[in-house]
mmCIF file of all heavy atoms, coordinates in Angstrom:
data_MODEL
# 
_entry.id   MODEL 
# 
loop_
_atom_site.group_PDB 
_atom_site.id 
_atom_site.type_symbol 
_atom_site.label_atom_id 
_atom_site.label_alt_id 
_atom_site.label_comp_id 
_atom_site.label_asym_id 
_atom_site.label_entity_id 
_atom_site.label_seq_id 
_atom_site.pdbx_PDB_ins_code 
_atom_site.Cartn_x 
_atom_site.Cartn_y 
_atom_site.Cartn_z 
_atom_site.occupancy 
_atom_site.B_iso_or_equiv 
_atom_site.pdbx_formal_charge 
_atom_site.auth_seq_id 
_atom_site.auth_comp_id 
_atom_site.auth_asym_id 
_atom_site.auth_atom_id 
_atom_site.pdbx_PDB_model_num 
ATOM 1   N N   . ALA A 1 1  ? 70.636 77.171 91.900 1.00 0.00 ? 1  ALA A N   1 
ATOM 2   C CA  . ALA A 1 1  ? 70.756 75.889 91.222 1.00 0.00 ? 1  ALA A CA  1 
ATOM 3   C C   . ALA A 1 1  ? 69.856 74.933 92.056 1.00 0.00 ? 1  ALA A C   1 
ATOM 4   O O   . ALA A 1 1  ? 69.873 74.930 93.253 1.00 0.00 ? 1  ALA A O   1 
ATOM 5   C CB  . ALA A 1 1  ? 72.107 75.437 91.142 1.00 0.00 ? 1  ALA A CB  1 
ATOM 6   N N   . GLU A 1 2  ? 69.071 74.095 91.402 1.00 0.00 ? 2  GLU A N   1 
ATOM 7   C CA  . GLU A 1 2  ? 68.332 73.057 92.164 1.00 0.00 ? 2  GLU A CA  1 
ATOM 8   C C   . GLU A 1 2  ? 69.150 71.905 92.417 1.00 0.00 ? 2  GLU A C   1 
ATOM 9   O O   . GLU A 1 2  ? 68.938 71.107 93.238 1.00 0.00 ? 2  GLU A O   1 
ATOM 10  C CB  . GLU A 1 2  ? 66.968 72.793 91.434 1.00 0.00 ? 2  GLU A CB  1 
ATOM 11  C CG  . GLU A 1 2  ? 67.011 71.991 90.249 1.00 0.00 ? 2  GLU A CG  1 
ATOM 12  C CD  . GLU A 1 2  ? 65.645 71.690 89.714 1.00 0.00 ? 2  GLU A CD  1 
ATOM 13  O OE1 . GLU A 1 2  ? 64.679 71.820 90.452 1.00 0.00 ? 2  GLU A OE1 1 
ATOM 14  O OE2 . GLU A 1 2  ? 65.525 71.398 88.493 1.00 0.00 ? 2  GLU A OE2 1 
ATOM 15  N N   . LYS A 1 3  ? 70.190 71.659 91.445 1.00 0.00 ? 3  LYS A N   1 
ATOM 16  C CA  . LYS A 1 3  ? 71.120 70.560 91.724 1.00 0.00 ? 3  LYS A CA  1 
ATOM 17  C C   . LYS A 1 3  ? 72.445 70.977 90.975 1.00 0.00 ? 3  LYS A C   1 
ATOM 18  O O   . LYS A 1 3  ? 72.448 71.817 90.052 1.00 0.00 ? 3  LYS A O   1 
ATOM 19  C CB  . LYS A 1 3  ? 70.586 69.256 91.166 1.00 0.00 ? 3  LYS A CB  1 
ATOM 20  C CG  . LYS A 1 3  ? 70.329 69.257 89.703 1.00 0.00 ? 3  LYS A CG  1 
ATOM 21  C CD  . LYS A 1 3  ? 69.716 67.840 89.327 1.00 0.00 ? 3  LYS A CD  1 
ATOM 22  C CE  . LYS A 1 3  ? 69.548 67.818 87.841 1.00 0.00 ? 3  LYS A CE  1 
ATOM 23  N NZ  . LYS A 1 3  ? 69.169 66.412 87.365 1.00 0.00 ? 3  LYS A NZ  1 
ATOM 24  N N   . TYR A 1 4  ? 73.528 70.212 91.225 1.00 0.00 ? 4  TYR A N   1 
ATOM 25  C CA  . TYR A 1 4  ? 74.740 70.443 90.594 1.00 0.00 ? 4  TYR A CA  1 
ATOM 26  C C   . TYR A 1 4  ? 75.540 69.147 90.571 1.00 0.00 ? 4  TYR A C   1 
ATOM 27  O O   . TYR A 1 4  ? 75.327 68.214 91.323 1.00 0.00 ? 4  TYR A O   1 
ATOM 28  C CB  . TYR A 1 4  ? 75.633 71.548 91.273 1.00 0.00 ? 4  TYR A CB  1 
ATOM 29  C CG  . TYR A 1 4  ? 76.051 71.196 92.720 1.00 0.00 ? 4  TYR A CG  1 
ATOM 30  C CD1 . TYR A 1 4  ? 77.219 70.561 93.054 1.00 0.00 ? 4  TYR A CD1 1 
ATOM 31  C CD2 . TYR A 1 4  ? 75.166 71.466 93.702 1.00 0.00 ? 4  TYR A CD2 1 
ATOM 32  C CE1 . TYR A 1 4  ? 77.551 70.263 94.181 1.00 0.00 ? 4  TYR A CE1 1 
ATOM 33  C CE2 . TYR A 1 4  ? 75.577 71.168 95.044 1.00 0.00 ? 4  TYR A CE2 1 
ATOM 34  C CZ  . TYR A 1 4  ? 76.714 70.548 95.270 1.00 0.00 ? 4  TYR A CZ  1 
ATOM 35  O OH  . TYR A 1 4  ? 77.027 70.239 96.573 1.00 0.00 ? 4  TYR A OH  1 
ATOM 36  N N   . GLU A 1 5  ? 76.457 69.135 89.571 1.00 0.00 ? 5  GLU A N   1 
ATOM 37  C CA  . GLU A 1 5  ? 77.325 67.851 89.482 1.00 0.00 ? 5  GLU A CA  1 
ATOM 38  C C   . GLU A 1 5  ? 78.752 68.358 89.267 1.00 0.00 ? 5  GLU A C   1 
ATOM 39  O O   . GLU A 1 5  ? 78.925 69.416 88.704 1.00 0.00 ? 5  GLU A O   1 
ATOM 40  C CB  . GLU A 1 5  ? 76.984 67.050 88.198 1.00 0.00 ? 5  GLU A CB  1 
ATOM 41  C CG  . GLU A 1 5  ? 75.555 66.395 88.221 1.00 0.00 ? 5  GLU A CG  1 
ATOM 42  C CD  . GLU A 1 5  ? 74.654 67.008 87.167 1.00 0.00 ? 5  GLU A CD  1 
ATOM 43  O OE1 . GLU A 1 5  ? 75.144 67.495 86.103 1.00 0.00 ? 5  GLU A OE1 1 
ATOM 44  O OE2 . GLU A 1 5  ? 73.440 67.043 87.431 1.00 0.00 ? 5  GLU A OE2 1 
ATOM 45  N N   . ALA A 1 6  ? 79.623 67.632 89.799 1.00 0.00 ? 6  ALA A N   1 
ATOM 46  C CA  . ALA A 1 6  ? 81.021 67.834 89.714 1.00 0.00 ? 6  ALA A CA  1 
ATOM 47  C C   . ALA A 1 6  ? 81.754 66.488 89.321 1.00 0.00 ? 6  ALA A C   1 
ATOM 48  O O   . ALA A 1 6  ? 82.257 65.832 90.222 1.00 0.00 ? 6  ALA A O   1 
ATOM 49  C CB  . ALA A 1 6  ? 81.641 68.451 90.869 1.00 0.00 ? 6  ALA A CB  1 
ATOM 50  N N   . PRO A 1 7  ? 81.659 66.069 88.067 1.00 0.00 ? 7  PRO A N   1 
ATOM 51  C CA  . PRO A 1 7  ? 82.165 64.736 87.713 1.00 0.00 ? 7  PRO A CA  1 
ATOM 52  C C   . PRO A 1 7  ? 83.677 64.591 87.919 1.00 0.00 ? 7  PRO A C   1 
ATOM 53  O O   . PRO A 1 7  ? 84.146 63.472 88.049 1.00 0.00 ? 7  PRO A O   1 
ATOM 54  C CB  . PRO A 1 7  ? 81.820 64.590 86.265 1.00 0.00 ? 7  PRO A CB  1 
ATOM 55  C CG  . PRO A 1 7  ? 81.546 65.967 85.803 1.00 0.00 ? 7  PRO A CG  1 
ATOM 56  C CD  . PRO A 1 7  ? 81.132 66.805 86.870 1.00 0.00 ? 7  PRO A CD  1 
ATOM 57  N N   . ASP A 1 8  ? 84.374 65.784 87.914 1.00 0.00 ? 8  ASP A N   1 
ATOM 58  C CA  . ASP A 1 8  ? 85.778 65.783 88.264 1.00 0.00 ? 8  ASP A CA  1 
ATOM 59  C C   . ASP A 1 8  ? 86.034 67.174 88.823 1.00 0.00 ? 8  ASP A C   1 
ATOM 60  O O   . ASP A 1 8  ? 85.119 67.994 88.980 1.00 0.00 ? 8  ASP A O   1 
ATOM 61  C CB  . ASP A 1 8  ? 86.643 65.583 86.927 1.00 0.00 ? 8  ASP A CB  1 
ATOM 62  C CG  . ASP A 1 8  ? 86.267 66.535 85.880 1.00 0.00 ? 8  ASP A CG  1 
ATOM 63  O OD1 . ASP A 1 8  ? 86.314 67.739 86.039 1.00 0.00 ? 8  ASP A OD1 1 
ATOM 64  O OD2 . ASP A 1 8  ? 85.902 66.062 84.798 1.00 0.00 ? 8  ASP A OD2 1 
ATOM 65  N N   . ALA A 1 9  ? 87.246 67.398 89.284 1.00 0.00 ? 9  ALA A N   1 
ATOM 66  C CA  . ALA A 1 9  ? 87.583 68.664 89.998 1.00 0.00 ? 9  ALA A CA  1 
ATOM 67  C C   . ALA A 1 9  ? 87.771 69.792 88.994 1.00 0.00 ? 9  ALA A C   1 
ATOM 68  O O   . ALA A 1 9  ? 88.286 70.862 89.370 1.00 0.00 ? 9  ALA A O   1 
ATOM 69  C CB  . ALA A 1 9  ? 88.738 68.449 90.957 1.00 0.00 ? 9  ALA A CB  1 
ATOM 70  N N   . GLN A 1 10 ? 87.469 69.647 87.711 1.00 0.00 ? 10 GLN A N   1 
ATOM 71  C CA  . GLN A 1 10 ? 87.640 70.657 86.658 1.00 0.00 ? 10 GLN A CA  1 
ATOM 72  C C   . GLN A 1 10 ? 86.261 71.090 86.063 1.00 0.00 ? 10 GLN A C   1 
ATOM 73  O O   . GLN A 1 10 ? 86.248 72.137 85.539 1.00 0.00 ? 10 GLN A O   1 
ATOM 74  C CB  . GLN A 1 10 ? 88.517 70.126 85.549 1.00 0.00 ? 10 GLN A CB  1 
ATOM 75  C CG  . GLN A 1 10 ? 90.039 69.947 85.985 1.00 0.00 ? 10 GLN A CG  1 
ATOM 76  C CD  . GLN A 1 10 ? 90.773 69.260 84.780 1.00 0.00 ? 10 GLN A CD  1 
ATOM 77  O OE1 . GLN A 1 10 ? 91.039 68.173 84.871 1.00 0.00 ? 10 GLN A OE1 1 
ATOM 78  N NE2 . GLN A 1 10 ? 91.026 70.069 83.745 1.00 0.00 ? 10 GLN A NE2 1 
ATOM 79  N N   . THR A 1 11 ? 85.236 70.329 86.166 1.00 0.00 ? 11 THR A N   1 
ATOM 80  C CA  . THR A 1 11 ? 83.974 70.628 85.515 1.00 0.00 ? 11 THR A CA  1 
ATOM 81  C C   . THR A 1 11 ? 82.921 70.703 86.589 1.00 0.00 ? 11 THR A C   1 
ATOM 82  O O   . THR A 1 11 ? 82.711 69.745 87.324 1.00 0.00 ? 11 THR A O   1 
ATOM 83  C CB  . THR A 1 11 ? 83.660 69.544 84.488 1.00 0.00 ? 11 THR A CB  1 
ATOM 84  O OG1 . THR A 1 11 ? 84.749 69.416 83.595 1.00 0.00 ? 11 THR A OG1 1 
ATOM 85  C CG2 . THR A 1 11 ? 82.457 69.910 83.685 1.00 0.00 ? 11 THR A CG2 1 
ATOM 86  N N   . TYR A 1 12 ? 82.033 71.713 86.567 1.00 0.00 ? 12 TYR A N   1 
ATOM 87  C CA  . TYR A 1 12 ? 81.003 71.953 87.464 1.00 0.00 ? 12 TYR A CA  1 
ATOM 88  C C   . TYR A 1 12 ? 79.842 72.307 86.648 1.00 0.00 ? 12 TYR A C   1 
ATOM 89  O O   . TYR A 1 12 ? 79.758 73.382 85.901 1.00 0.00 ? 12 TYR A O   1 
ATOM 90  C CB  . TYR A 1 12 ? 81.343 73.059 88.501 1.00 0.00 ? 12 TYR A CB  1 
ATOM 91  C CG  . TYR A 1 12 ? 82.593 72.688 89.274 1.00 0.00 ? 12 TYR A CG  1 
ATOM 92  C CD1 . TYR A 1 12 ? 83.862 73.056 88.830 1.00 0.00 ? 12 TYR A CD1 1 
ATOM 93  C CD2 . TYR A 1 12 ? 82.432 71.940 90.496 1.00 0.00 ? 12 TYR A CD2 1 
ATOM 94  C CE1 . TYR A 1 12 ? 85.101 72.719 89.540 1.00 0.00 ? 12 TYR A CE1 1 
ATOM 95  C CE2 . TYR A 1 12 ? 83.662 71.626 91.190 1.00 0.00 ? 12 TYR A CE2 1 
ATOM 96  C CZ  . TYR A 1 12 ? 84.907 72.036 90.687 1.00 0.00 ? 12 TYR A CZ  1 
ATOM 97  O OH  . TYR A 1 12 ? 86.008 71.651 91.371 1.00 0.00 ? 12 TYR A OH  1 
ATOM 98  N N   . THR A 1 13 ? 78.705 71.545 86.823 1.00 0.00 ? 13 THR A N   1 
ATOM 99  C CA  . THR A 1 13 ? 77.477 71.797 86.069 1.00 0.00 ? 13 THR A CA  1 
ATOM 100 C C   . THR A 1 13 ? 76.368 72.079 87.053 1.00 0.00 ? 13 THR A C   1 
ATOM 101 O O   . THR A 1 13 ? 76.191 71.346 88.012 1.00 0.00 ? 13 THR A O   1 
ATOM 102 C CB  . THR A 1 13 ? 77.112 70.476 85.241 1.00 0.00 ? 13 THR A CB  1 
ATOM 103 O OG1 . THR A 1 13 ? 78.266 70.332 84.311 1.00 0.00 ? 13 THR A OG1 1 
ATOM 104 C CG2 . THR A 1 13 ? 75.883 70.892 84.396 1.00 0.00 ? 13 THR A CG2 1 
ATOM 105 N N   . PHE A 1 14 ? 75.691 73.244 86.818 1.00 0.00 ? 14 PHE A N   1 
ATOM 106 C CA  . PHE A 1 14 ? 74.644 73.669 87.648 1.00 0.00 ? 14 PHE A CA  1 
ATOM 107 C C   . PHE A 1 14 ? 73.328 73.759 86.908 1.00 0.00 ? 14 PHE A C   1 
ATOM 108 O O   . PHE A 1 14 ? 73.320 74.194 85.713 1.00 0.00 ? 14 PHE A O   1 
ATOM 109 C CB  . PHE A 1 14 ? 74.911 75.102 88.108 1.00 0.00 ? 14 PHE A CB  1 
ATOM 110 C CG  . PHE A 1 14 ? 76.250 75.244 88.840 1.00 0.00 ? 14 PHE A CG  1 
ATOM 111 C CD1 . PHE A 1 14 ? 77.426 75.584 88.189 1.00 0.00 ? 14 PHE A CD1 1 
ATOM 112 C CD2 . PHE A 1 14 ? 76.320 75.069 90.215 1.00 0.00 ? 14 PHE A CD2 1 
ATOM 113 C CE1 . PHE A 1 14 ? 78.543 75.643 88.870 1.00 0.00 ? 14 PHE A CE1 1 
ATOM 114 C CE2 . PHE A 1 14 ? 77.505 75.078 90.923 1.00 0.00 ? 14 PHE A CE2 1 
ATOM 115 C CZ  . PHE A 1 14 ? 78.624 75.451 90.272 1.00 0.00 ? 14 PHE A CZ  1 
ATOM 116 N N   . HIS A 1 15 ? 72.216 73.157 87.389 1.00 0.00 ? 15 HIS A N   1 
ATOM 117 C CA  . HIS A 1 15 ? 70.933 73.213 86.817 1.00 0.00 ? 15 HIS A CA  1 
ATOM 118 C C   . HIS A 1 15 ? 70.076 74.181 87.579 1.00 0.00 ? 15 HIS A C   1 
ATOM 119 O O   . HIS A 1 15 ? 69.805 73.934 88.796 1.00 0.00 ? 15 HIS A O   1 
ATOM 120 C CB  . HIS A 1 15 ? 70.368 71.817 86.804 1.00 0.00 ? 15 HIS A CB  1 
ATOM 121 C CG  . HIS A 1 15 ? 71.299 70.831 86.127 1.00 0.00 ? 15 HIS A CG  1 
ATOM 122 N ND1 . HIS A 1 15 ? 71.235 70.716 84.703 1.00 0.00 ? 15 HIS A ND1 1 
ATOM 123 C CD2 . HIS A 1 15 ? 72.178 69.952 86.559 1.00 0.00 ? 15 HIS A CD2 1 
ATOM 124 C CE1 . HIS A 1 15 ? 72.210 69.763 84.402 1.00 0.00 ? 15 HIS A CE1 1 
ATOM 125 N NE2 . HIS A 1 15 ? 72.738 69.259 85.540 1.00 0.00 ? 15 HIS A NE2 1 
ATOM 126 N N   . LEU A 1 16 ? 69.679 75.275 86.958 1.00 0.00 ? 16 LEU A N   1 
ATOM 127 C CA  . LEU A 1 16 ? 68.872 76.270 87.748 1.00 0.00 ? 16 LEU A CA  1 
ATOM 128 C C   . LEU A 1 16 ? 67.511 75.819 88.094 1.00 0.00 ? 16 LEU A C   1 
ATOM 129 O O   . LEU A 1 16 ? 66.857 75.020 87.441 1.00 0.00 ? 16 LEU A O   1 
ATOM 130 C CB  . LEU A 1 16 ? 68.736 77.512 86.791 1.00 0.00 ? 16 LEU A CB  1 
ATOM 131 C CG  . LEU A 1 16 ? 70.050 78.191 86.348 1.00 0.00 ? 16 LEU A CG  1 
ATOM 132 C CD1 . LEU A 1 16 ? 69.727 79.411 85.508 1.00 0.00 ? 16 LEU A CD1 1 
ATOM 133 C CD2 . LEU A 1 16 ? 70.883 78.455 87.504 1.00 0.00 ? 16 LEU A CD2 1 
ATOM 134 N N   . ARG A 1 17 ? 67.024 76.432 89.161 1.00 0.00 ? 17 ARG A N   1 
ATOM 135 C CA  . ARG A 1 17 ? 65.705 76.146 89.647 1.00 0.00 ? 17 ARG A CA  1 
ATOM 136 C C   . ARG A 1 17 ? 64.728 76.787 88.647 1.00 0.00 ? 17 ARG A C   1 
ATOM 137 O O   . ARG A 1 17 ? 65.015 77.902 88.053 1.00 0.00 ? 17 ARG A O   1 
ATOM 138 C CB  . ARG A 1 17 ? 65.384 76.849 90.965 1.00 0.00 ? 17 ARG A CB  1 
ATOM 139 C CG  . ARG A 1 17 ? 66.150 76.189 92.130 1.00 0.00 ? 17 ARG A CG  1 
ATOM 140 C CD  . ARG A 1 17 ? 65.764 76.940 93.436 1.00 0.00 ? 17 ARG A CD  1 
ATOM 141 N NE  . ARG A 1 17 ? 66.552 76.354 94.452 1.00 0.00 ? 17 ARG A NE  1 
ATOM 142 C CZ  . ARG A 1 17 ? 66.438 75.258 95.107 1.00 0.00 ? 17 ARG A CZ  1 
ATOM 143 N NH1 . ARG A 1 17 ? 65.490 74.365 94.740 1.00 0.00 ? 17 ARG A NH1 1 
ATOM 144 N NH2 . ARG A 1 17 ? 67.331 74.813 96.015 1.00 0.00 ? 17 ARG A NH2 1 
ATOM 145 N N   . PRO A 1 18 ? 63.537 76.123 88.355 1.00 0.00 ? 18 PRO A N   1 
ATOM 146 C CA  . PRO A 1 18 ? 62.600 76.720 87.323 1.00 0.00 ? 18 PRO A CA  1 
ATOM 147 C C   . PRO A 1 18 ? 61.924 77.906 88.071 1.00 0.00 ? 18 PRO A C   1 
ATOM 148 O O   . PRO A 1 18 ? 61.714 77.924 89.308 1.00 0.00 ? 18 PRO A O   1 
ATOM 149 C CB  . PRO A 1 18 ? 61.711 75.670 87.086 1.00 0.00 ? 18 PRO A CB  1 
ATOM 150 C CG  . PRO A 1 18 ? 61.723 74.706 88.247 1.00 0.00 ? 18 PRO A CG  1 
ATOM 151 C CD  . PRO A 1 18 ? 63.220 74.884 88.831 1.00 0.00 ? 18 PRO A CD  1 
ATOM 152 N N   . ASN A 1 19 ? 61.418 78.810 87.248 1.00 0.00 ? 19 ASN A N   1 
ATOM 153 C CA  . ASN A 1 19 ? 60.485 79.957 87.715 1.00 0.00 ? 19 ASN A CA  1 
ATOM 154 C C   . ASN A 1 19 ? 61.154 80.842 88.867 1.00 0.00 ? 19 ASN A C   1 
ATOM 155 O O   . ASN A 1 19 ? 60.466 81.316 89.665 1.00 0.00 ? 19 ASN A O   1 
ATOM 156 C CB  . ASN A 1 19 ? 59.264 79.342 88.203 1.00 0.00 ? 19 ASN A CB  1 
ATOM 157 C CG  . ASN A 1 19 ? 58.503 78.486 87.253 1.00 0.00 ? 19 ASN A CG  1 
ATOM 158 O OD1 . ASN A 1 19 ? 58.502 78.930 86.102 1.00 0.00 ? 19 ASN A OD1 1 
ATOM 159 N ND2 . ASN A 1 19 ? 58.036 77.375 87.580 1.00 0.00 ? 19 ASN A ND2 1 
ATOM 160 N N   . VAL A 1 20 ? 62.507 81.060 88.735 1.00 0.00 ? 20 VAL A N   1 
ATOM 161 C CA  . VAL A 1 20 ? 63.128 82.081 89.568 1.00 0.00 ? 20 VAL A CA  1 
ATOM 162 C C   . VAL A 1 20 ? 63.165 83.369 88.773 1.00 0.00 ? 20 VAL A C   1 
ATOM 163 O O   . VAL A 1 20 ? 63.558 83.360 87.636 1.00 0.00 ? 20 VAL A O   1 
ATOM 164 C CB  . VAL A 1 20 ? 64.567 81.654 90.043 1.00 0.00 ? 20 VAL A CB  1 
ATOM 165 C CG1 . VAL A 1 20 ? 65.255 82.707 90.737 1.00 0.00 ? 20 VAL A CG1 1 
ATOM 166 C CG2 . VAL A 1 20 ? 64.423 80.349 90.946 1.00 0.00 ? 20 VAL A CG2 1 
ATOM 167 N N   . SER A 1 21 ? 62.737 84.497 89.465 1.00 0.00 ? 21 SER A N   1 
ATOM 168 C CA  . SER A 1 21 ? 62.770 85.696 88.815 1.00 0.00 ? 21 SER A CA  1 
ATOM 169 C C   . SER A 1 21 ? 63.532 86.742 89.723 1.00 0.00 ? 21 SER A C   1 
ATOM 170 O O   . SER A 1 21 ? 63.577 86.689 90.859 1.00 0.00 ? 21 SER A O   1 
ATOM 171 C CB  . SER A 1 21 ? 61.316 86.196 88.537 1.00 0.00 ? 21 SER A CB  1 
ATOM 172 O OG  . SER A 1 21 ? 60.596 85.430 87.784 1.00 0.00 ? 21 SER A OG  1 
ATOM 173 N N   . PHE A 1 22 ? 63.975 87.745 89.006 1.00 0.00 ? 22 PHE A N   1 
ATOM 174 C CA  . PHE A 1 22 ? 64.598 88.893 89.714 1.00 0.00 ? 22 PHE A CA  1 
ATOM 175 C C   . PHE A 1 22 ? 63.441 89.753 90.270 1.00 0.00 ? 22 PHE A C   1 
ATOM 176 O O   . PHE A 1 22 ? 62.272 89.594 89.927 1.00 0.00 ? 22 PHE A O   1 
ATOM 177 C CB  . PHE A 1 22 ? 65.438 89.739 88.790 1.00 0.00 ? 22 PHE A CB  1 
ATOM 178 C CG  . PHE A 1 22 ? 66.702 89.149 88.409 1.00 0.00 ? 22 PHE A CG  1 
ATOM 179 C CD1 . PHE A 1 22 ? 66.850 88.609 87.071 1.00 0.00 ? 22 PHE A CD1 1 
ATOM 180 C CD2 . PHE A 1 22 ? 67.750 89.047 89.285 1.00 0.00 ? 22 PHE A CD2 1 
ATOM 181 C CE1 . PHE A 1 22 ? 68.060 87.920 86.718 1.00 0.00 ? 22 PHE A CE1 1 
ATOM 182 C CE2 . PHE A 1 22 ? 68.961 88.411 88.950 1.00 0.00 ? 22 PHE A CE2 1 
ATOM 183 C CZ  . PHE A 1 22 ? 69.117 87.920 87.686 1.00 0.00 ? 22 PHE A CZ  1 
ATOM 184 N N   . ALA A 1 23 ? 63.757 90.680 91.180 1.00 0.00 ? 23 ALA A N   1 
ATOM 185 C CA  . ALA A 1 23 ? 62.735 91.499 91.842 1.00 0.00 ? 23 ALA A CA  1 
ATOM 186 C C   . ALA A 1 23 ? 61.988 92.202 90.711 1.00 0.00 ? 23 ALA A C   1 
ATOM 187 O O   . ALA A 1 23 ? 62.517 92.665 89.664 1.00 0.00 ? 23 ALA A O   1 
ATOM 188 C CB  . ALA A 1 23 ? 63.421 92.505 92.729 1.00 0.00 ? 23 ALA A CB  1 
ATOM 189 N N   . ASN A 1 24 ? 60.737 92.587 91.042 1.00 0.00 ? 24 ASN A N   1 
ATOM 190 C CA  . ASN A 1 24 ? 59.861 93.307 90.071 1.00 0.00 ? 24 ASN A CA  1 
ATOM 191 C C   . ASN A 1 24 ? 60.086 94.788 90.126 1.00 0.00 ? 24 ASN A C   1 
ATOM 192 O O   . ASN A 1 24 ? 59.064 95.499 90.373 1.00 0.00 ? 24 ASN A O   1 
ATOM 193 C CB  . ASN A 1 24 ? 58.352 92.918 90.229 1.00 0.00 ? 24 ASN A CB  1 
ATOM 194 C CG  . ASN A 1 24 ? 57.539 93.271 89.112 1.00 0.00 ? 24 ASN A CG  1 
ATOM 195 O OD1 . ASN A 1 24 ? 58.024 93.589 87.969 1.00 0.00 ? 24 ASN A OD1 1 
ATOM 196 N ND2 . ASN A 1 24 ? 56.278 93.338 89.287 1.00 0.00 ? 24 ASN A ND2 1 
ATOM 197 N N   . VAL A 1 25 ? 61.336 95.238 89.868 1.00 0.00 ? 25 VAL A N   1 
ATOM 198 C CA  . VAL A 1 25 ? 61.623 96.654 89.816 1.00 0.00 ? 25 VAL A CA  1 
ATOM 199 C C   . VAL A 1 25 ? 62.547 96.900 88.623 1.00 0.00 ? 25 VAL A C   1 
ATOM 200 O O   . VAL A 1 25 ? 63.259 95.916 88.179 1.00 0.00 ? 25 VAL A O   1 
ATOM 201 C CB  . VAL A 1 25 ? 62.284 97.174 91.125 1.00 0.00 ? 25 VAL A CB  1 
ATOM 202 C CG1 . VAL A 1 25 ? 61.359 97.155 92.301 1.00 0.00 ? 25 VAL A CG1 1 
ATOM 203 C CG2 . VAL A 1 25 ? 63.534 96.393 91.467 1.00 0.00 ? 25 VAL A CG2 1 
ATOM 204 N N   . ALA A 1 26 ? 62.527 98.098 88.056 1.00 0.00 ? 26 ALA A N   1 
ATOM 205 C CA  . ALA A 1 26 ? 63.458 98.363 86.931 1.00 0.00 ? 26 ALA A CA  1 
ATOM 206 C C   . ALA A 1 26 ? 64.951 98.332 87.432 1.00 0.00 ? 26 ALA A C   1 
ATOM 207 O O   . ALA A 1 26 ? 65.161 98.551 88.581 1.00 0.00 ? 26 ALA A O   1 
ATOM 208 C CB  . ALA A 1 26 ? 63.161 99.823 86.449 1.00 0.00 ? 26 ALA A CB  1 
# 
């Protein structure tokens, strides 16, 4: 996540980093 918010102790929002990929293997 490039950033996250927790407006209360029940809700957690994560914003993923752009252009992240898994390894280039099957």
